[in-house]
PDB file of N, CA and C in Angstrom:
ATOM      1  N   MET A   1       0.836  -1.180   0.000  1.00  0.00           N
ATOM      2  CA  MET A   1       0.000   0.000   0.000  1.00  0.00           C
ATOM      3  C   MET A   1       0.879   1.241   0.000  1.00  0.00           C
ATOM      4  N   SER A   2       0.513   2.202  -0.783  1.00  0.00           N
ATOM      5  CA  SER A   2       1.258   3.456  -0.863  1.00  0.00           C
ATOM      6  C   SER A   2       0.960   4.343   0.338  1.00  0.00           C
ATOM      7  N   MET A   3       1.955   5.085   0.733  1.00  0.00           N
ATOM      8  CA  MET A   3       1.775   6.060   1.799  1.00  0.00           C
ATOM      9  C   MET A   3       1.223   7.342   1.182  1.00  0.00           C
ATOM     10  N   ARG A   4       0.313   7.977   1.857  1.00  0.00           N
ATOM     11  CA  ARG A   4      -0.303   9.220   1.409  1.00  0.00           C
ATOM     12  C   ARG A   4       0.183  10.376   2.303  1.00  0.00           C
ATOM     13  N   VAL A   5       0.003  11.597   1.841  1.00  0.00           N
ATOM     14  CA  VAL A   5       0.397  12.766   2.623  1.00  0.00           C
ATOM     15  C   VAL A   5      -0.333  12.764   3.964  1.00  0.00           C
ATOM     16  N   ARG A   6      -1.603  12.380   3.968  1.00  0.00           N
ATOM     17  CA  ARG A   6      -2.359  12.352   5.236  1.00  0.00           C
ATOM     18  C   ARG A   6      -1.737  11.369   6.228  1.00  0.00           C
ATOM     19  N   ASP A   7      -1.166  10.261   5.735  1.00  0.00           N
ATOM     20  CA  ASP A   7      -0.489   9.290   6.608  1.00  0.00           C
ATOM     21  C   ASP A   7       0.737   9.937   7.254  1.00  0.00           C
ATOM     22  N   LEU A   8       1.485  10.687   6.456  1.00  0.00           N
ATOM     23  CA  LEU A   8       2.660  11.388   6.971  1.00  0.00           C
ATOM     24  C   LEU A   8       2.247  12.431   8.010  1.00  0.00           C
ATOM     25  N   GLN A   9       1.174  13.164   7.740  1.00  0.00           N
ATOM     26  CA  GLN A   9       0.684  14.169   8.685  1.00  0.00           C
ATOM     27  C   GLN A   9       0.275  13.525  10.005  1.00  0.00           C
ATOM     28  N   GLN A  10      -0.427  12.404   9.943  1.00  0.00           N
ATOM     29  CA  GLN A  10      -0.856  11.713  11.161  1.00  0.00           C
ATOM     30  C   GLN A  10       0.344  11.175  11.939  1.00  0.00           C
ATOM     31  N   TYR A  11       1.307  10.618  11.214  1.00  0.00           N
ATOM     32  CA  TYR A  11       2.492  10.067  11.854  1.00  0.00           C
ATOM     33  C   TYR A  11       3.281  11.154  12.581  1.00  0.00           C
ATOM     34  N   LEU A  12       3.521  12.273  11.898  1.00  0.00           N
ATOM     35  CA  LEU A  12       4.257  13.366  12.526  1.00  0.00           C
ATOM     36  C   LEU A  12       3.472  13.997  13.664  1.00  0.00           C
ATOM     37  N   GLY A  13       2.138  14.011  13.547  1.00  0.00           N
ATOM     38  CA  GLY A  13       1.289  14.553  14.609  1.00  0.00           C
ATOM     39  C   GLY A  13       1.456  13.816  15.929  1.00  0.00           C
ATOM     40  N   LYS A  14       1.816  12.532  15.872  1.00  0.00           N
ATOM     41  CA  LYS A  14       2.053  11.749  17.093  1.00  0.00           C
ATOM     42  C   LYS A  14       3.263  12.275  17.852  1.00  0.00           C
ATOM     43  N   PHE A  15       4.253  12.793  17.129  1.00  0.00           N
ATOM     44  CA  PHE A  15       5.462  13.301  17.765  1.00  0.00           C
ATOM     45  C   PHE A  15       5.334  14.761  18.176  1.00  0.00           C
ATOM     46  N   THR A  16       4.563  15.528  17.434  1.00  0.00           N
ATOM     47  CA  THR A  16       4.455  16.963  17.685  1.00  0.00           C
ATOM     48  C   THR A  16       3.224  17.334  18.493  1.00  0.00           C
ATOM     49  N   LYS A  17       2.359  16.365  18.720  1.00  0.00           N
ATOM     50  CA  LYS A  17       1.074  16.620  19.379  1.00  0.00           C
ATOM     51  C   LYS A  17       0.339  17.726  18.630  1.00  0.00           C
ATOM     52  N   ASP A  18       0.501  17.715  17.295  1.00  0.00           N
ATOM     53  CA  ASP A  18      -0.133  18.670  16.382  1.00  0.00           C
ATOM     54  C   ASP A  18       0.211  20.126  16.679  1.00  0.00           C
ATOM     55  N   GLU A  19       1.382  20.366  17.294  1.00  0.00           N
ATOM     56  CA  GLU A  19       1.838  21.725  17.561  1.00  0.00           C
ATOM     57  C   GLU A  19       3.052  22.027  16.698  1.00  0.00           C
ATOM     58  N   LYS A  20       3.184  23.279  16.287  1.00  0.00           N
ATOM     59  CA  LYS A  20       4.359  23.706  15.525  1.00  0.00           C
ATOM     60  C   LYS A  20       5.474  24.090  16.489  1.00  0.00           C
ATOM     61  N   GLY A  21       6.707  24.056  15.995  1.00  0.00           N
ATOM     62  CA  GLY A  21       7.832  24.513  16.796  1.00  0.00           C
ATOM     63  C   GLY A  21       8.388  23.494  17.760  1.00  0.00           C
ATOM     64  N   THR A  22       8.088  22.213  17.570  1.00  0.00           N
ATOM     65  CA  THR A  22       8.637  21.187  18.441  1.00  0.00           C
ATOM     66  C   THR A  22      10.009  20.766  17.928  1.00  0.00           C
ATOM     67  N   ALA A  23      10.741  19.970  18.697  1.00  0.00           N
ATOM     68  CA  ALA A  23      12.092  19.542  18.330  1.00  0.00           C
ATOM     69  C   ALA A  23      12.125  18.818  16.991  1.00  0.00           C
ATOM     70  N   ILE A  24      11.091  18.070  16.667  1.00  0.00           N
ATOM     71  CA  ILE A  24      11.069  17.335  15.402  1.00  0.00           C
ATOM     72  C   ILE A  24      11.001  18.279  14.200  1.00  0.00           C
ATOM     73  N   SER A  25      10.573  19.513  14.415  1.00  0.00           N
ATOM     74  CA  SER A  25      10.502  20.493  13.326  1.00  0.00           C
ATOM     75  C   SER A  25      11.874  20.783  12.732  1.00  0.00           C
ATOM     76  N   GLU A  26      12.930  20.576  13.491  1.00  0.00           N
ATOM     77  CA  GLU A  26      14.297  20.855  13.038  1.00  0.00           C
ATOM     78  C   GLU A  26      15.026  19.610  12.540  1.00  0.00           C
ATOM     79  N   CYS A  27      14.350  18.471  12.484  1.00  0.00           N
ATOM     80  CA  CYS A  27      14.986  17.233  12.012  1.00  0.00           C
ATOM     81  C   CYS A  27      15.265  17.311  10.514  1.00  0.00           C
ATOM     82  N   HIS A  28      16.396  16.734  10.107  1.00  0.00           N
ATOM     83  CA  HIS A  28      16.700  16.609   8.685  1.00  0.00           C
ATOM     84  C   HIS A  28      15.925  15.426   8.128  1.00  0.00           C
ATOM     85  N   LEU A  29      15.573  15.466   6.839  1.00  0.00           N
ATOM     86  CA  LEU A  29      14.821  14.395   6.191  1.00  0.00           C
ATOM     87  C   LEU A  29      15.746  13.569   5.315  1.00  0.00           C
ATOM     88  N   TYR A  30      15.654  12.245   5.447  1.00  0.00           N
ATOM     89  CA  TYR A  30      16.468  11.326   4.664  1.00  0.00           C
ATOM     90  C   TYR A  30      15.586  10.258   4.041  1.00  0.00           C
ATOM     91  N   ILE A  31      16.073   9.665   2.958  1.00  0.00           N
ATOM     92  CA  ILE A  31      15.442   8.498   2.350  1.00  0.00           C
ATOM     93  C   ILE A  31      16.468   7.372   2.384  1.00  0.00           C
ATOM     94  N   GLU A  32      16.013   6.184   2.778  1.00  0.00           N
ATOM     95  CA  GLU A  32      16.886   5.020   2.768  1.00  0.00           C
ATOM     96  C   GLU A  32      16.901   4.420   1.365  1.00  0.00           C
ATOM     97  N   THR A  33      18.083   4.243   0.786  1.00  0.00           N
ATOM     98  CA  THR A  33      18.218   3.700  -0.565  1.00  0.00           C
ATOM     99  C   THR A  33      18.220   2.178  -0.541  1.00  0.00           C
ATOM    100  N   ALA A  34      18.164   1.582  -1.704  1.00  0.00           N
ATOM    101  CA  ALA A  34      18.175   0.115  -1.822  1.00  0.00           C
ATOM    102  C   ALA A  34      19.464  -0.487  -1.278  1.00  0.00           C
ATOM    103  N   SER A  35      20.556   0.299  -1.263  1.00  0.00           N
ATOM    104  CA  SER A  35      21.831  -0.196  -0.743  1.00  0.00           C
ATOM    105  C   SER A  35      21.959   0.017   0.763  1.00  0.00           C
ATOM    106  N   GLY A  36      20.962   0.660   1.374  1.00  0.00           N
ATOM    107  CA  GLY A  36      20.976   0.873   2.817  1.00  0.00           C
ATOM    108  C   GLY A  36      21.588   2.188   3.254  1.00  0.00           C
ATOM    109  N   HIS A  37      21.948   3.035   2.311  1.00  0.00           N
ATOM    110  CA  HIS A  37      22.483   4.351   2.658  1.00  0.00           C
ATOM    111  C   HIS A  37      21.343   5.350   2.822  1.00  0.00           C
ATOM    112  N   LEU A  38      21.624   6.413   3.551  1.00  0.00           N
ATOM    113  CA  LEU A  38      20.650   7.484   3.737  1.00  0.00           C
ATOM    114  C   LEU A  38      21.039   8.660   2.865  1.00  0.00           C
ATOM    115  N   GLU A  39      20.080   9.165   2.111  1.00  0.00           N
ATOM    116  CA  GLU A  39      20.298  10.348   1.277  1.00  0.00           C
ATOM    117  C   GLU A  39      19.376  11.449   1.765  1.00  0.00           C
ATOM    118  N   GLU A  40      19.938  12.637   1.958  1.00  0.00           N
ATOM    119  CA  GLU A  40      19.159  13.762   2.476  1.00  0.00           C
ATOM    120  C   GLU A  40      18.233  14.318   1.395  1.00  0.00           C
ATOM    121  N   ILE A  41      17.004  14.598   1.783  1.00  0.00           N
ATOM    122  CA  ILE A  41      16.031  15.196   0.868  1.00  0.00           C
ATOM    123  C   ILE A  41      16.365  16.671   0.727  1.00  0.00           C
ATOM    124  N   ARG A  42      16.508  17.122  -0.509  1.00  0.00           N
ATOM    125  CA  ARG A  42      16.854  18.511  -0.792  1.00  0.00           C
ATOM    126  C   ARG A  42      15.711  19.308  -1.380  1.00  0.00           C
ATOM    127  N   LYS A  43      14.708  18.620  -1.932  1.00  0.00           N
ATOM    128  CA  LYS A  43      13.624  19.330  -2.608  1.00  0.00           C
ATOM    129  C   LYS A  43      12.370  18.465  -2.587  1.00  0.00           C
ATOM    130  N   ILE A  44      11.204  19.094  -2.451  1.00  0.00           N
ATOM    131  CA  ILE A  44       9.926  18.407  -2.516  1.00  0.00           C
ATOM    132  C   ILE A  44       9.098  19.072  -3.605  1.00  0.00           C
ATOM    133  N   GLU A  45       8.566  18.265  -4.509  1.00  0.00           N
ATOM    134  CA  GLU A  45       7.728  18.780  -5.594  1.00  0.00           C
ATOM    135  C   GLU A  45       6.355  18.117  -5.537  1.00  0.00           C
ATOM    136  N   ILE A  46       5.340  18.886  -5.876  1.00  0.00           N
ATOM    137  CA  ILE A  46       4.008  18.339  -6.087  1.00  0.00           C
ATOM    138  C   ILE A  46       3.790  18.331  -7.594  1.00  0.00           C
ATOM    139  N   GLN A  47       3.545  17.150  -8.139  1.00  0.00           N
ATOM    140  CA  GLN A  47       3.353  17.009  -9.584  1.00  0.00           C
ATOM    141  C   GLN A  47       1.913  16.612  -9.861  1.00  0.00           C
ATOM    142  N   GLU A  48       1.333  17.221 -10.876  1.00  0.00           N
ATOM    143  CA  GLU A  48      -0.034  16.911 -11.280  1.00  0.00           C
ATOM    144  C   GLU A  48      -0.020  16.118 -12.575  1.00  0.00           C
ATOM    145  N   ASN A  49      -0.927  15.146 -12.670  1.00  0.00           N
ATOM    146  CA  ASN A  49      -1.067  14.347 -13.878  1.00  0.00           C
ATOM    147  C   ASN A  49      -2.259  14.881 -14.657  1.00  0.00           C
ATOM    148  N   ASN A  50      -2.068  15.189 -15.922  1.00  0.00           N
ATOM    149  CA  ASN A  50      -3.128  15.773 -16.741  1.00  0.00           C
ATOM    150  C   ASN A  50      -4.017  14.732 -17.415  1.00  0.00           C
ATOM    151  N   ILE A  51      -3.758  13.449 -17.207  1.00  0.00           N
ATOM    152  CA  ILE A  51      -4.560  12.402 -17.823  1.00  0.00           C
ATOM    153  C   ILE A  51      -5.824  12.199 -16.980  1.00  0.00           C
ATOM    154  N   ILE A  52      -6.999  12.438 -17.561  1.00  0.00           N
ATOM    155  CA  ILE A  52      -8.268  12.305 -16.848  1.00  0.00           C
ATOM    156  C   ILE A  52      -8.483  10.851 -16.461  1.00  0.00           C
ATOM    157  N   GLY A  53      -8.869  10.634 -15.209  1.00  0.00           N
ATOM    158  CA  GLY A  53      -9.152   9.289 -14.716  1.00  0.00           C
ATOM    159  C   GLY A  53      -7.922   8.494 -14.305  1.00  0.00           C
ATOM    160  N   HIS A  54      -6.750   9.109 -14.316  1.00  0.00           N
ATOM    161  CA  HIS A  54      -5.521   8.422 -13.918  1.00  0.00           C
ATOM    162  C   HIS A  54      -5.584   8.083 -12.432  1.00  0.00           C
ATOM    163  N   ASP A  55      -4.994   6.955 -12.046  1.00  0.00           N
ATOM    164  CA  ASP A  55      -5.012   6.518 -10.643  1.00  0.00           C
ATOM    165  C   ASP A  55      -4.338   7.517  -9.701  1.00  0.00           C
ATOM    166  N   GLU A  56      -3.334   8.229 -10.195  1.00  0.00           N
ATOM    167  CA  GLU A  56      -2.594   9.183  -9.369  1.00  0.00           C
ATOM    168  C   GLU A  56      -2.702  10.582  -9.986  1.00  0.00           C
ATOM    169  N   PRO A  57      -3.761  11.330  -9.664  1.00  0.00           N
ATOM    170  CA  PRO A  57      -3.904  12.667 -10.253  1.00  0.00           C
ATOM    171  C   PRO A  57      -2.802  13.625  -9.797  1.00  0.00           C
ATOM    172  N   THR A  58      -2.322  13.455  -8.582  1.00  0.00           N
ATOM    173  CA  THR A  58      -1.197  14.244  -8.076  1.00  0.00           C
ATOM    174  C   THR A  58      -0.278  13.342  -7.286  1.00  0.00           C
ATOM    175  N   ARG A  59       0.965  13.765  -7.153  1.00  0.00           N
ATOM    176  CA  ARG A  59       1.920  12.998  -6.352  1.00  0.00           C
ATOM    177  C   ARG A  59       2.966  13.948  -5.776  1.00  0.00           C
ATOM    178  N   MET A  60       3.500  13.576  -4.618  1.00  0.00           N
ATOM    179  CA  MET A  60       4.583  14.314  -3.992  1.00  0.00           C
ATOM    180  C   MET A  60       5.874  13.579  -4.332  1.00  0.00           C
ATOM    181  N   VAL A  61       6.868  14.300  -4.845  1.00  0.00           N
ATOM    182  CA  VAL A  61       8.144  13.707  -5.215  1.00  0.00           C
ATOM    183  C   VAL A  61       9.227  14.301  -4.326  1.00  0.00           C
ATOM    184  N   LEU A  62       9.948  13.423  -3.624  1.00  0.00           N
ATOM    185  CA  LEU A  62      11.041  13.843  -2.758  1.00  0.00           C
ATOM    186  C   LEU A  62      12.337  13.657  -3.533  1.00  0.00           C
ATOM    187  N   LYS A  63      13.092  14.728  -3.704  1.00  0.00           N
ATOM    188  CA  LYS A  63      14.334  14.671  -4.474  1.00  0.00           C
ATOM    189  C   LYS A  63      15.511  14.719  -3.508  1.00  0.00           C
ATOM    190  N   THR A  64      16.477  13.820  -3.742  1.00  0.00           N
ATOM    191  CA  THR A  64      17.606  13.690  -2.828  1.00  0.00           C
ATOM    192  C   THR A  64      18.859  14.316  -3.415  1.00  0.00           C
ATOM    193  N   GLU A  65      19.887  14.347  -2.579  1.00  0.00           N
ATOM    194  CA  GLU A  65      21.166  14.901  -2.996  1.00  0.00           C
ATOM    195  C   GLU A  65      22.048  13.864  -3.677  1.00  0.00           C
ATOM    196  N   SER A  66      21.709  12.589  -3.624  1.00  0.00           N
ATOM    197  CA  SER A  66      22.458  11.487  -4.231  1.00  0.00           C
ATOM    198  C   SER A  66      23.884  11.368  -3.708  1.00  0.00           C
ATOM    199  N   ILE A  67      24.057  11.582  -2.428  1.00  0.00           N
ATOM    200  CA  ILE A  67      25.342  11.367  -1.760  1.00  0.00           C
ATOM    201  C   ILE A  67      25.090  10.366  -0.633  1.00  0.00           C
ATOM    202  N   GLU A  68      25.769   9.247  -0.658  1.00  0.00           N
ATOM    203  CA  GLU A  68      25.575   8.217   0.373  1.00  0.00           C
ATOM    204  C   GLU A  68      26.345   8.618   1.624  1.00  0.00           C
ATOM    205  N   ARG A  69      25.711   9.436   2.457  1.00  0.00           N
ATOM    206  CA  ARG A  69      26.390   9.973   3.646  1.00  0.00           C
ATOM    207  C   ARG A  69      26.522   8.963   4.773  1.00  0.00           C
ATOM    208  N   PHE A  70      25.414   8.295   5.085  1.00  0.00           N
ATOM    209  CA  PHE A  70      25.378   7.409   6.244  1.00  0.00           C
ATOM    210  C   PHE A  70      24.796   6.070   5.839  1.00  0.00           C
ATOM    211  N   LYS A  71      25.132   5.037   6.564  1.00  0.00           N
ATOM    212  CA  LYS A  71      24.496   3.736   6.402  1.00  0.00           C
ATOM    213  C   LYS A  71      23.343   3.700   7.402  1.00  0.00           C
ATOM    214  N   SER A  72      22.183   3.237   6.957  1.00  0.00           N
ATOM    215  CA  SER A  72      21.012   3.175   7.822  1.00  0.00           C
ATOM    216  C   SER A  72      21.220   2.143   8.928  1.00  0.00           C
ATOM    217  N   LEU A  73      20.845   2.497  10.137  1.00  0.00           N
ATOM    218  CA  LEU A  73      20.967   1.564  11.287  1.00  0.00           C
ATOM    219  C   LEU A  73      19.897   0.486  11.237  1.00  0.00           C
ATOM    220  N   THR A  74      18.805   0.727  10.501  1.00  0.00           N
ATOM    221  CA  THR A  74      17.698  -0.228  10.458  1.00  0.00           C
ATOM    222  C   THR A  74      17.616  -0.985   9.142  1.00  0.00           C
ATOM    223  N   PHE A  75      18.635  -0.855   8.271  1.00  0.00           N
ATOM    224  CA  PHE A  75      18.612  -1.495   6.955  1.00  0.00           C
ATOM    225  C   PHE A  75      18.681  -3.007   7.094  1.00  0.00           C
ATOM    226  N   LYS A  76      17.765  -3.690   6.389  1.00  0.00           N
ATOM    227  CA  LYS A  76      17.743  -5.148   6.388  1.00  0.00           C
ATOM    228  C   LYS A  76      18.001  -5.625   4.971  1.00  0.00           C
ATOM    229  N   GLN A  77      19.050  -6.374   4.782  1.00  0.00           N
ATOM    230  CA  GLN A  77      19.381  -6.894   3.456  1.00  0.00           C
ATOM    231  C   GLN A  77      18.543  -8.121   3.153  1.00  0.00           C
ATOM    232  N   GLY A  78      18.343  -8.338   1.843  1.00  0.00           N
ATOM    233  CA  GLY A  78      17.685  -9.554   1.391  1.00  0.00           C
ATOM    234  C   GLY A  78      16.238  -9.471   1.448  1.00  0.00           C
TER     235      GLY A  78
END
């Protein structure tokens, strides 16, 4: 199942108690790659699909820096 923006909002709300300015507000964002490295997110885009009736009319795209800075502590191979 795909994650939706509302899922991310609910998840973060558990840590922030739905308040702005908490410690998590200053956290850096990373994506874990297939090799288990963490890449920092540098840009977020909202893209719209112009095809009527398409399953994904809009999507959020997280763009990374493509530098393998750290190895993920929770990476599971295989």
